[in-house]
């Protein structure tokens, strides 16, 4: 079922409150949409702390730009548009630094001097299986280009309407259809390559 935002968010009165940076109106928006923005940031491939940072940046930018918000799109669309630009900035930052941990540091963090786990994983078989499936999905999503991945997450995970995604990503409906097709195709190929063949 597609998500339906509270009706008051689309009223002229609420828009005026937001443009005036009314504290109560802002709190309502943050309360309503913070979980969605955070999930989308994680779905776009960011680690937990990175997703937290980007989500915080999204809402800071949202508050700073509210006087310019004209209400031509829904407030949620405005937020996801900000998220898209913050993700692009974050990716550019990643390209400027070494993204791989030194293997010595990884070993030191996870194993003691005798080669034993510092904190051994303890999971039931079912939990382990669920985690493995999620890991495959996350890893396969990593192979999908950034814009395609975000479009997929907004459509399939967050349930945004096509028009809303088009506005957030600044693409046409036709372009979005192509983007989603390519994202789903890449994801399917990756999963099939890992043994998850379609029955």
N, C-alpha and C. Protein backbone atom coordinates (compact mmCIF):
# COMPACT_ATOMS: atom_id res chain seq x y z
N UNK A 1 0.85 -1.20 0.00
CA UNK A 1 0.00 0.00 0.00
C UNK A 1 0.88 1.25 0.00
N UNK A 2 0.58 2.19 -0.87
CA UNK A 2 1.37 3.42 -0.96
C UNK A 2 1.17 4.27 0.28
N UNK A 3 2.24 4.93 0.71
CA UNK A 3 2.19 5.80 1.87
C UNK A 3 1.37 7.04 1.55
N UNK A 4 0.51 7.44 2.49
CA UNK A 4 -0.29 8.66 2.32
C UNK A 4 0.07 9.62 3.45
N UNK A 5 0.70 10.77 3.12
CA UNK A 5 1.07 11.73 4.16
C UNK A 5 -0.15 12.38 4.78
N UNK A 6 -0.02 12.93 5.97
CA UNK A 6 -1.14 13.62 6.62
C UNK A 6 -1.69 14.73 5.72
N UNK A 7 -3.01 14.84 5.60
CA UNK A 7 -3.63 15.85 4.71
C UNK A 7 -3.19 17.28 5.02
N UNK A 8 -2.96 17.58 6.30
CA UNK A 8 -2.63 18.96 6.67
C UNK A 8 -1.34 19.44 6.02
N UNK A 9 -0.45 18.48 5.63
CA UNK A 9 0.83 18.86 5.05
C UNK A 9 0.66 19.55 3.69
N UNK A 10 -0.49 19.37 3.06
CA UNK A 10 -0.72 19.97 1.75
C UNK A 10 -1.53 21.25 1.79
N UNK A 11 -1.86 21.72 2.99
CA UNK A 11 -2.70 22.92 3.09
C UNK A 11 -1.86 24.20 2.99
N UNK A 12 -2.47 25.29 2.51
CA UNK A 12 -1.76 26.59 2.44
C UNK A 12 -1.30 27.06 3.82
N UNK A 13 -2.10 26.76 4.85
CA UNK A 13 -1.75 27.20 6.20
C UNK A 13 -0.45 26.52 6.67
N UNK A 14 -0.34 25.22 6.38
CA UNK A 14 0.85 24.49 6.79
C UNK A 14 2.07 24.99 6.01
N UNK A 15 1.89 25.27 4.73
CA UNK A 15 2.97 25.80 3.91
C UNK A 15 3.46 27.12 4.47
N UNK A 16 2.54 27.99 4.85
CA UNK A 16 2.91 29.29 5.42
C UNK A 16 3.69 29.11 6.71
N UNK A 17 3.26 28.15 7.53
CA UNK A 17 3.96 27.86 8.79
C UNK A 17 5.39 27.39 8.51
N UNK A 18 5.53 26.52 7.51
CA UNK A 18 6.87 26.03 7.16
C UNK A 18 7.76 27.15 6.65
N UNK A 19 7.22 27.99 5.77
CA UNK A 19 8.01 29.09 5.22
C UNK A 19 8.46 30.06 6.31
N UNK A 20 7.64 30.17 7.36
CA UNK A 20 7.99 31.02 8.50
C UNK A 20 8.89 30.28 9.49
N UNK A 21 9.25 29.05 9.15
CA UNK A 21 10.10 28.18 9.99
C UNK A 21 9.50 27.99 11.39
N UNK A 22 8.18 27.77 11.38
CA UNK A 22 7.47 27.51 12.64
C UNK A 22 7.97 26.19 13.24
N UNK A 23 8.33 26.23 14.50
CA UNK A 23 8.93 25.08 15.17
C UNK A 23 8.01 23.86 15.17
N UNK A 24 6.74 24.06 15.47
CA UNK A 24 5.80 22.93 15.52
C UNK A 24 5.64 22.28 14.15
N UNK A 25 5.55 23.09 13.11
CA UNK A 25 5.39 22.56 11.75
C UNK A 25 6.62 21.75 11.36
N UNK A 26 7.80 22.29 11.67
CA UNK A 26 9.04 21.58 11.35
C UNK A 26 9.12 20.26 12.10
N UNK A 27 8.76 20.28 13.38
CA UNK A 27 8.79 19.04 14.18
C UNK A 27 7.86 17.98 13.59
N UNK A 28 6.71 18.40 13.09
CA UNK A 28 5.77 17.45 12.48
C UNK A 28 6.40 16.80 11.25
N UNK A 29 7.07 17.60 10.43
CA UNK A 29 7.71 17.09 9.22
C UNK A 29 8.83 16.12 9.59
N UNK A 30 9.65 16.52 10.55
CA UNK A 30 10.77 15.65 10.98
C UNK A 30 10.23 14.34 11.54
N UNK A 31 9.23 14.42 12.39
CA UNK A 31 8.65 13.22 12.99
C UNK A 31 8.07 12.29 11.92
N UNK A 32 7.45 12.89 10.92
CA UNK A 32 6.77 12.09 9.89
C UNK A 32 7.75 11.46 8.90
N UNK A 33 8.78 12.22 8.51
CA UNK A 33 9.60 11.77 7.38
C UNK A 33 11.02 11.34 7.72
N UNK A 34 11.48 11.58 8.93
CA UNK A 34 12.84 11.17 9.26
C UNK A 34 13.07 9.67 9.05
N UNK A 35 12.16 8.79 9.50
CA UNK A 35 12.40 7.35 9.26
C UNK A 35 12.50 7.00 7.77
N UNK A 36 11.69 7.65 6.93
CA UNK A 36 11.74 7.37 5.49
C UNK A 36 13.05 7.82 4.87
N UNK A 37 13.50 9.02 5.24
CA UNK A 37 14.76 9.55 4.70
C UNK A 37 15.92 8.66 5.15
N UNK A 38 15.90 8.25 6.39
CA UNK A 38 16.98 7.39 6.92
C UNK A 38 16.99 6.04 6.20
N UNK A 39 15.81 5.44 6.00
CA UNK A 39 15.74 4.16 5.28
C UNK A 39 16.24 4.31 3.85
N UNK A 40 15.86 5.42 3.21
CA UNK A 40 16.29 5.64 1.83
C UNK A 40 17.80 5.83 1.75
N UNK A 41 18.36 6.52 2.72
CA UNK A 41 19.81 6.72 2.75
C UNK A 41 20.52 5.38 2.92
N UNK A 42 19.99 4.53 3.80
CA UNK A 42 20.58 3.19 3.97
C UNK A 42 20.38 2.36 2.70
N UNK A 43 19.20 2.48 2.11
CA UNK A 43 18.91 1.74 0.89
C UNK A 43 19.77 2.18 -0.28
N UNK A 44 20.25 3.42 -0.22
CA UNK A 44 21.12 3.93 -1.28
C UNK A 44 22.56 3.44 -1.12
N UNK A 45 22.80 2.65 -0.06
CA UNK A 45 24.11 2.02 0.09
C UNK A 45 25.00 2.62 1.15
N UNK A 46 24.49 3.56 1.95
CA UNK A 46 25.32 4.14 3.00
C UNK A 46 25.34 3.25 4.24
N UNK A 47 26.46 3.25 4.93
CA UNK A 47 26.56 2.56 6.21
C UNK A 47 25.74 3.34 7.24
N UNK A 48 25.48 2.72 8.39
CA UNK A 48 24.57 3.31 9.37
C UNK A 48 24.98 4.72 9.79
N UNK A 49 26.26 4.90 10.16
CA UNK A 49 26.68 6.23 10.62
C UNK A 49 26.66 7.24 9.47
N UNK A 50 27.01 6.80 8.28
CA UNK A 50 26.97 7.70 7.12
C UNK A 50 25.53 8.10 6.81
N UNK A 51 24.62 7.13 6.90
CA UNK A 51 23.20 7.42 6.65
C UNK A 51 22.67 8.40 7.69
N UNK A 52 23.08 8.22 8.95
CA UNK A 52 22.67 9.16 10.01
C UNK A 52 23.15 10.57 9.68
N UNK A 53 24.42 10.68 9.28
CA UNK A 53 24.99 12.00 8.97
C UNK A 53 24.26 12.66 7.80
N UNK A 54 24.02 11.89 6.74
CA UNK A 54 23.34 12.44 5.56
C UNK A 54 21.92 12.86 5.92
N UNK A 55 21.24 12.04 6.71
CA UNK A 55 19.86 12.38 7.12
C UNK A 55 19.84 13.68 7.90
N UNK A 56 20.81 13.85 8.79
CA UNK A 56 20.90 15.09 9.55
C UNK A 56 21.14 16.27 8.60
N UNK A 57 22.02 16.10 7.63
CA UNK A 57 22.29 17.16 6.66
C UNK A 57 21.04 17.50 5.85
N UNK A 58 20.26 16.47 5.51
CA UNK A 58 19.02 16.70 4.75
C UNK A 58 18.09 17.63 5.52
N UNK A 59 17.90 17.35 6.81
CA UNK A 59 16.95 18.16 7.58
C UNK A 59 17.50 19.54 7.90
N UNK A 60 18.82 19.65 8.07
CA UNK A 60 19.41 20.98 8.27
C UNK A 60 19.22 21.83 7.01
N UNK A 61 19.48 21.23 5.85
CA UNK A 61 19.28 21.95 4.59
C UNK A 61 17.81 22.30 4.40
N UNK A 62 16.94 21.36 4.74
CA UNK A 62 15.49 21.58 4.65
C UNK A 62 15.09 22.83 5.45
N UNK A 63 15.56 22.91 6.68
CA UNK A 63 15.20 24.04 7.55
C UNK A 63 15.78 25.34 6.98
N UNK A 64 17.03 25.29 6.51
CA UNK A 64 17.67 26.49 5.97
C UNK A 64 16.98 27.00 4.71
N UNK A 65 16.43 26.09 3.92
CA UNK A 65 15.85 26.50 2.63
C UNK A 65 14.33 26.69 2.68
N UNK A 66 13.73 26.51 3.85
CA UNK A 66 12.27 26.62 3.95
C UNK A 66 11.72 27.95 3.44
N UNK A 67 12.37 29.08 3.68
CA UNK A 67 11.81 30.34 3.16
C UNK A 67 11.65 30.33 1.63
N UNK A 68 12.44 29.48 0.94
CA UNK A 68 12.35 29.41 -0.52
C UNK A 68 11.38 28.33 -0.99
N UNK A 69 10.88 27.51 -0.07
CA UNK A 69 9.97 26.42 -0.44
C UNK A 69 8.62 27.02 -0.83
N UNK A 70 8.23 26.80 -2.08
CA UNK A 70 7.00 27.42 -2.60
C UNK A 70 5.80 26.48 -2.58
N UNK A 71 6.01 25.23 -2.23
CA UNK A 71 4.90 24.30 -2.15
C UNK A 71 4.43 23.77 -3.48
N UNK A 72 5.23 23.95 -4.54
CA UNK A 72 4.84 23.43 -5.86
C UNK A 72 4.92 21.90 -5.89
N UNK A 73 5.77 21.35 -5.02
CA UNK A 73 5.81 19.90 -4.83
C UNK A 73 5.51 19.63 -3.37
N UNK A 74 5.22 18.38 -3.05
CA UNK A 74 4.93 18.02 -1.67
C UNK A 74 6.20 18.16 -0.84
N UNK A 75 6.04 18.43 0.44
CA UNK A 75 7.21 18.60 1.32
C UNK A 75 8.08 17.33 1.32
N UNK A 76 7.46 16.18 1.20
CA UNK A 76 8.24 14.94 1.16
C UNK A 76 9.10 14.88 -0.11
N UNK A 77 8.55 15.34 -1.22
CA UNK A 77 9.31 15.37 -2.47
C UNK A 77 10.51 16.31 -2.33
N UNK A 78 10.29 17.43 -1.69
CA UNK A 78 11.37 18.40 -1.43
C UNK A 78 12.48 17.73 -0.62
N UNK A 79 12.10 16.99 0.41
CA UNK A 79 13.08 16.30 1.26
C UNK A 79 13.87 15.25 0.47
N UNK A 80 13.18 14.45 -0.34
CA UNK A 80 13.88 13.43 -1.11
C UNK A 80 14.76 14.06 -2.18
N UNK A 81 14.38 15.21 -2.69
CA UNK A 81 15.25 15.92 -3.63
C UNK A 81 16.53 16.38 -2.95
N UNK A 82 16.40 16.89 -1.72
CA UNK A 82 17.59 17.26 -0.94
C UNK A 82 18.44 16.03 -0.68
N UNK A 83 17.80 14.93 -0.32
CA UNK A 83 18.53 13.69 -0.07
C UNK A 83 19.34 13.28 -1.29
N UNK A 84 18.73 13.36 -2.45
CA UNK A 84 19.42 12.97 -3.68
C UNK A 84 20.69 13.78 -3.87
N UNK A 85 20.60 15.10 -3.65
CA UNK A 85 21.78 15.95 -3.81
C UNK A 85 22.83 15.68 -2.73
N UNK A 86 22.39 15.39 -1.52
CA UNK A 86 23.34 15.07 -0.44
C UNK A 86 24.04 13.75 -0.71
N UNK A 87 23.32 12.79 -1.29
CA UNK A 87 23.95 11.51 -1.63
C UNK A 87 25.03 11.72 -2.69
N UNK A 88 24.76 12.57 -3.65
CA UNK A 88 25.76 12.86 -4.69
C UNK A 88 27.00 13.51 -4.08
N UNK A 89 26.78 14.45 -3.16
CA UNK A 89 27.92 15.10 -2.48
C UNK A 89 28.72 14.08 -1.69
N UNK A 90 28.00 13.18 -1.00
CA UNK A 90 28.67 12.17 -0.18
C UNK A 90 29.49 11.23 -1.05
N UNK A 91 28.94 10.82 -2.18
CA UNK A 91 29.67 9.92 -3.10
C UNK A 91 30.94 10.60 -3.62
N UNK A 92 30.84 11.89 -3.92
CA UNK A 92 32.03 12.60 -4.37
C UNK A 92 33.09 12.62 -3.28
N UNK A 93 32.64 12.76 -2.03
CA UNK A 93 33.58 12.73 -0.91
C UNK A 93 34.25 11.37 -0.77
N UNK A 94 33.48 10.31 -1.00
CA UNK A 94 34.04 8.95 -0.92
C UNK A 94 35.14 8.75 -1.96
N UNK A 95 34.94 9.34 -3.13
CA UNK A 95 35.92 9.15 -4.20
C UNK A 95 37.25 9.81 -3.88
N UNK A 96 37.24 10.75 -2.94
CA UNK A 96 38.47 11.46 -2.61
C UNK A 96 39.25 10.78 -1.48
N UNK A 97 38.69 9.75 -0.89
CA UNK A 97 39.39 9.08 0.20
C UNK A 97 39.49 7.59 -0.07
N UNK A 98 40.37 6.97 0.63
CA UNK A 98 40.52 5.53 0.48
C UNK A 98 39.36 4.86 1.17
N UNK A 99 38.56 4.11 0.42
CA UNK A 99 37.34 3.52 0.98
C UNK A 99 37.60 2.18 1.66
N UNK A 100 38.82 1.65 1.58
CA UNK A 100 39.09 0.33 2.13
C UNK A 100 39.90 0.42 3.42
N UNK A 101 39.44 -0.28 4.46
CA UNK A 101 40.19 -0.35 5.71
C UNK A 101 41.46 -1.15 5.50
N UNK A 102 42.53 -0.75 6.19
CA UNK A 102 43.75 -1.53 6.18
C UNK A 102 43.47 -2.89 6.81
N UNK A 103 43.91 -3.96 6.17
CA UNK A 103 43.59 -5.32 6.63
C UNK A 103 44.09 -5.56 8.05
N UNK A 104 45.23 -4.95 8.41
CA UNK A 104 45.76 -5.13 9.76
C UNK A 104 44.80 -4.55 10.80
N UNK A 105 44.22 -3.38 10.48
CA UNK A 105 43.27 -2.76 11.40
C UNK A 105 42.03 -3.62 11.57
N UNK A 106 41.55 -4.18 10.46
CA UNK A 106 40.36 -5.03 10.51
C UNK A 106 40.62 -6.25 11.38
N UNK A 107 41.76 -6.89 11.18
CA UNK A 107 42.09 -8.09 11.96
C UNK A 107 42.20 -7.75 13.44
N UNK A 108 42.87 -6.63 13.75
CA UNK A 108 43.04 -6.24 15.15
C UNK A 108 41.70 -5.98 15.83
N UNK A 109 40.77 -5.38 15.11
CA UNK A 109 39.47 -5.06 15.69
C UNK A 109 38.63 -6.31 15.95
N UNK A 110 38.79 -7.34 15.12
CA UNK A 110 37.89 -8.49 15.19
C UNK A 110 38.47 -9.73 15.88
N UNK A 111 39.81 -9.83 15.94
CA UNK A 111 40.43 -11.02 16.50
C UNK A 111 41.46 -10.66 17.56
N UNK A 112 41.65 -11.55 18.56
CA UNK A 112 42.68 -11.31 19.56
C UNK A 112 44.03 -11.82 19.05
N UNK A 113 45.07 -11.74 19.89
CA UNK A 113 46.42 -12.09 19.43
C UNK A 113 46.58 -13.57 19.14
N UNK A 114 45.60 -14.39 19.59
CA UNK A 114 45.64 -15.83 19.31
C UNK A 114 44.79 -16.20 18.10
N UNK A 115 44.23 -15.19 17.44
CA UNK A 115 43.42 -15.44 16.26
C UNK A 115 41.97 -15.81 16.57
N UNK A 116 41.53 -15.59 17.81
CA UNK A 116 40.16 -15.90 18.21
C UNK A 116 39.30 -14.64 18.09
N UNK A 117 37.98 -14.86 17.83
CA UNK A 117 37.05 -13.74 17.73
C UNK A 117 37.08 -12.90 19.01
N UNK A 118 37.12 -11.57 18.87
CA UNK A 118 36.95 -10.68 20.02
C UNK A 118 35.49 -10.79 20.51
N UNK A 119 34.57 -10.71 19.56
CA UNK A 119 33.14 -10.85 19.84
C UNK A 119 32.56 -11.84 18.84
N UNK A 120 32.57 -13.12 19.19
CA UNK A 120 32.12 -14.12 18.22
C UNK A 120 30.66 -13.93 17.84
N UNK A 121 30.35 -14.13 16.55
CA UNK A 121 28.95 -14.03 16.12
C UNK A 121 28.13 -15.17 16.68
N UNK A 122 26.96 -14.83 17.21
CA UNK A 122 26.07 -15.87 17.75
C UNK A 122 24.69 -15.65 17.14
N UNK A 123 24.34 -16.48 16.21
CA UNK A 123 23.07 -16.34 15.51
C UNK A 123 22.43 -17.71 15.33
N UNK A 124 21.10 -17.72 15.38
CA UNK A 124 20.40 -18.97 15.08
C UNK A 124 20.49 -19.21 13.58
N UNK A 125 20.20 -20.45 13.15
CA UNK A 125 20.26 -20.77 11.71
C UNK A 125 19.31 -19.89 10.90
N UNK A 126 18.08 -19.68 11.43
CA UNK A 126 17.10 -18.86 10.70
C UNK A 126 17.58 -17.42 10.59
N UNK A 127 18.09 -16.90 11.71
CA UNK A 127 18.57 -15.53 11.72
C UNK A 127 19.75 -15.38 10.76
N UNK A 128 20.63 -16.38 10.77
CA UNK A 128 21.78 -16.36 9.88
C UNK A 128 21.33 -16.37 8.42
N UNK A 129 20.34 -17.20 8.09
CA UNK A 129 19.82 -17.28 6.73
C UNK A 129 19.23 -15.95 6.29
N UNK A 130 18.40 -15.35 7.18
CA UNK A 130 17.80 -14.05 6.87
C UNK A 130 18.88 -13.00 6.62
N UNK A 131 19.90 -13.02 7.46
CA UNK A 131 20.99 -12.05 7.31
C UNK A 131 21.74 -12.26 6.00
N UNK A 132 21.92 -13.52 5.64
CA UNK A 132 22.63 -13.82 4.40
C UNK A 132 21.84 -13.33 3.18
N UNK A 133 20.53 -13.53 3.21
CA UNK A 133 19.68 -13.07 2.10
C UNK A 133 19.73 -11.54 2.02
N UNK A 134 19.59 -10.88 3.18
CA UNK A 134 19.66 -9.42 3.19
C UNK A 134 21.01 -8.93 2.69
N UNK A 135 22.06 -9.64 3.08
CA UNK A 135 23.40 -9.25 2.65
C UNK A 135 23.53 -9.37 1.13
N UNK A 136 22.99 -10.45 0.57
CA UNK A 136 23.03 -10.61 -0.89
C UNK A 136 22.28 -9.47 -1.58
N UNK A 137 21.11 -9.13 -1.05
CA UNK A 137 20.33 -8.04 -1.63
C UNK A 137 21.08 -6.72 -1.55
N UNK A 138 21.67 -6.44 -0.38
CA UNK A 138 22.41 -5.19 -0.20
C UNK A 138 23.61 -5.14 -1.13
N UNK A 139 24.32 -6.27 -1.23
CA UNK A 139 25.50 -6.30 -2.10
C UNK A 139 25.11 -6.16 -3.56
N UNK A 140 23.99 -6.77 -3.94
CA UNK A 140 23.53 -6.63 -5.32
C UNK A 140 23.07 -5.20 -5.60
N UNK A 141 22.43 -4.56 -4.62
CA UNK A 141 22.03 -3.17 -4.80
C UNK A 141 23.26 -2.27 -4.99
N UNK A 142 24.39 -2.67 -4.38
CA UNK A 142 25.62 -1.89 -4.53
C UNK A 142 26.10 -1.88 -5.98
N UNK A 143 25.70 -2.89 -6.76
CA UNK A 143 26.14 -2.96 -8.16
C UNK A 143 25.28 -2.07 -9.06
N UNK A 144 24.18 -1.55 -8.51
CA UNK A 144 23.27 -0.71 -9.28
C UNK A 144 23.75 0.74 -9.19
N UNK A 145 23.83 1.47 -10.30
CA UNK A 145 24.26 2.87 -10.26
C UNK A 145 23.44 3.67 -9.26
N UNK A 146 24.06 4.69 -8.68
CA UNK A 146 23.47 5.43 -7.56
C UNK A 146 22.05 5.94 -7.82
N UNK A 147 21.85 6.63 -8.94
CA UNK A 147 20.53 7.19 -9.22
C UNK A 147 19.50 6.08 -9.40
N UNK A 148 19.90 5.00 -10.06
CA UNK A 148 19.00 3.86 -10.28
C UNK A 148 18.65 3.20 -8.95
N UNK A 149 19.66 3.07 -8.08
CA UNK A 149 19.43 2.45 -6.78
C UNK A 149 18.46 3.27 -5.95
N UNK A 150 18.66 4.60 -5.93
CA UNK A 150 17.77 5.46 -5.14
C UNK A 150 16.35 5.42 -5.70
N UNK A 151 16.23 5.44 -7.02
CA UNK A 151 14.89 5.35 -7.63
C UNK A 151 14.21 4.05 -7.22
N UNK A 152 14.96 2.95 -7.24
CA UNK A 152 14.42 1.64 -6.85
C UNK A 152 13.96 1.66 -5.40
N UNK A 153 14.78 2.22 -4.51
CA UNK A 153 14.44 2.27 -3.08
C UNK A 153 13.20 3.14 -2.86
N UNK A 154 13.15 4.29 -3.52
CA UNK A 154 12.00 5.18 -3.34
C UNK A 154 10.71 4.54 -3.84
N UNK A 155 10.81 3.77 -4.93
CA UNK A 155 9.61 3.14 -5.50
C UNK A 155 9.23 1.88 -4.74
N UNK A 156 10.19 0.97 -4.56
CA UNK A 156 9.88 -0.36 -4.03
C UNK A 156 9.87 -0.44 -2.51
N UNK A 157 10.67 0.39 -1.86
CA UNK A 157 10.74 0.34 -0.40
C UNK A 157 9.85 1.40 0.23
N UNK A 158 9.99 2.65 -0.26
CA UNK A 158 9.24 3.74 0.34
C UNK A 158 7.86 3.95 -0.27
N UNK A 159 7.62 3.36 -1.45
CA UNK A 159 6.30 3.43 -2.05
C UNK A 159 5.90 4.80 -2.57
N UNK A 160 6.86 5.62 -2.96
CA UNK A 160 6.54 6.93 -3.51
C UNK A 160 5.87 6.78 -4.86
N UNK A 161 5.02 7.73 -5.17
CA UNK A 161 4.36 7.75 -6.48
C UNK A 161 5.37 8.15 -7.55
N UNK A 162 5.10 7.73 -8.78
CA UNK A 162 6.01 8.01 -9.89
C UNK A 162 6.30 9.50 -10.02
N UNK A 163 5.27 10.33 -9.96
CA UNK A 163 5.45 11.77 -10.11
C UNK A 163 6.36 12.33 -9.03
N UNK A 164 6.19 11.82 -7.82
CA UNK A 164 6.99 12.31 -6.70
C UNK A 164 8.47 11.95 -6.89
N UNK A 165 8.72 10.73 -7.36
CA UNK A 165 10.11 10.30 -7.60
C UNK A 165 10.71 11.14 -8.73
N UNK A 166 9.92 11.37 -9.78
CA UNK A 166 10.41 12.19 -10.90
C UNK A 166 10.81 13.58 -10.42
N UNK A 167 9.99 14.17 -9.57
CA UNK A 167 10.31 15.50 -9.04
C UNK A 167 11.56 15.47 -8.18
N UNK A 168 11.68 14.45 -7.33
CA UNK A 168 12.82 14.37 -6.42
C UNK A 168 14.13 14.15 -7.18
N UNK A 169 14.08 13.31 -8.21
CA UNK A 169 15.30 12.98 -8.96
C UNK A 169 15.48 13.84 -10.21
N UNK A 170 14.51 14.71 -10.46
CA UNK A 170 14.57 15.62 -11.61
C UNK A 170 14.69 14.85 -12.93
N UNK A 171 13.77 13.90 -13.11
CA UNK A 171 13.73 13.11 -14.35
C UNK A 171 12.28 13.08 -14.86
N UNK A 172 12.12 12.71 -16.13
CA UNK A 172 10.78 12.56 -16.69
C UNK A 172 10.23 11.18 -16.34
N UNK A 173 8.93 11.00 -16.53
CA UNK A 173 8.32 9.69 -16.28
C UNK A 173 8.92 8.61 -17.15
N UNK A 174 9.20 8.94 -18.39
CA UNK A 174 9.81 7.97 -19.30
C UNK A 174 11.19 7.58 -18.82
N UNK A 175 11.98 8.59 -18.43
CA UNK A 175 13.33 8.30 -17.91
C UNK A 175 13.27 7.44 -16.66
N UNK A 176 12.30 7.74 -15.78
CA UNK A 176 12.18 6.95 -14.56
C UNK A 176 11.87 5.49 -14.89
N UNK A 177 10.99 5.28 -15.87
CA UNK A 177 10.67 3.91 -16.27
C UNK A 177 11.91 3.16 -16.73
N UNK A 178 12.75 3.83 -17.50
CA UNK A 178 14.00 3.20 -17.96
C UNK A 178 14.93 2.93 -16.78
N UNK A 179 15.03 3.91 -15.88
CA UNK A 179 15.90 3.76 -14.71
C UNK A 179 15.47 2.57 -13.87
N UNK A 180 14.16 2.46 -13.60
CA UNK A 180 13.66 1.36 -12.78
C UNK A 180 13.85 0.03 -13.48
N UNK A 181 13.62 0.00 -14.77
CA UNK A 181 13.83 -1.24 -15.53
C UNK A 181 15.28 -1.70 -15.40
N UNK A 182 16.21 -0.76 -15.59
CA UNK A 182 17.62 -1.12 -15.52
C UNK A 182 18.03 -1.55 -14.11
N UNK A 183 17.48 -0.86 -13.10
CA UNK A 183 17.80 -1.23 -11.72
C UNK A 183 17.30 -2.63 -11.40
N UNK A 184 16.04 -2.91 -11.78
CA UNK A 184 15.48 -4.24 -11.50
C UNK A 184 16.23 -5.32 -12.28
N UNK A 185 16.59 -5.02 -13.52
CA UNK A 185 17.30 -5.98 -14.35
C UNK A 185 18.68 -6.29 -13.76
N UNK A 186 19.40 -5.23 -13.34
CA UNK A 186 20.72 -5.43 -12.74
C UNK A 186 20.61 -6.24 -11.45
N UNK A 187 19.60 -5.93 -10.65
CA UNK A 187 19.40 -6.64 -9.39
C UNK A 187 19.06 -8.10 -9.65
N UNK A 188 18.19 -8.35 -10.63
CA UNK A 188 17.82 -9.73 -10.97
C UNK A 188 19.03 -10.51 -11.45
N UNK A 189 19.82 -9.92 -12.33
CA UNK A 189 21.01 -10.61 -12.86
C UNK A 189 21.99 -10.95 -11.74
N UNK A 190 22.17 -10.00 -10.83
CA UNK A 190 23.09 -10.22 -9.72
C UNK A 190 22.61 -11.35 -8.83
N UNK A 191 21.32 -11.33 -8.47
CA UNK A 191 20.77 -12.37 -7.60
C UNK A 191 20.80 -13.73 -8.28
N UNK A 192 20.51 -13.76 -9.57
CA UNK A 192 20.57 -15.04 -10.30
C UNK A 192 22.00 -15.55 -10.34
N UNK A 193 22.95 -14.65 -10.45
CA UNK A 193 24.36 -15.03 -10.45
C UNK A 193 24.81 -15.61 -9.12
N UNK A 194 24.05 -15.31 -8.06
CA UNK A 194 24.37 -15.82 -6.73
C UNK A 194 23.52 -17.03 -6.37
N UNK A 195 22.82 -17.57 -7.37
CA UNK A 195 22.07 -18.79 -7.13
C UNK A 195 20.62 -18.61 -6.78
N UNK A 196 20.11 -17.38 -6.82
CA UNK A 196 18.71 -17.12 -6.53
C UNK A 196 17.94 -17.09 -7.84
N UNK A 197 17.89 -18.19 -8.53
CA UNK A 197 17.23 -18.24 -9.84
C UNK A 197 15.73 -18.13 -9.66
N UNK A 198 15.08 -17.47 -10.63
CA UNK A 198 13.62 -17.34 -10.60
C UNK A 198 13.00 -18.71 -10.82
N UNK A 199 12.02 -19.04 -9.97
CA UNK A 199 11.36 -20.35 -10.06
C UNK A 199 10.28 -20.31 -11.11
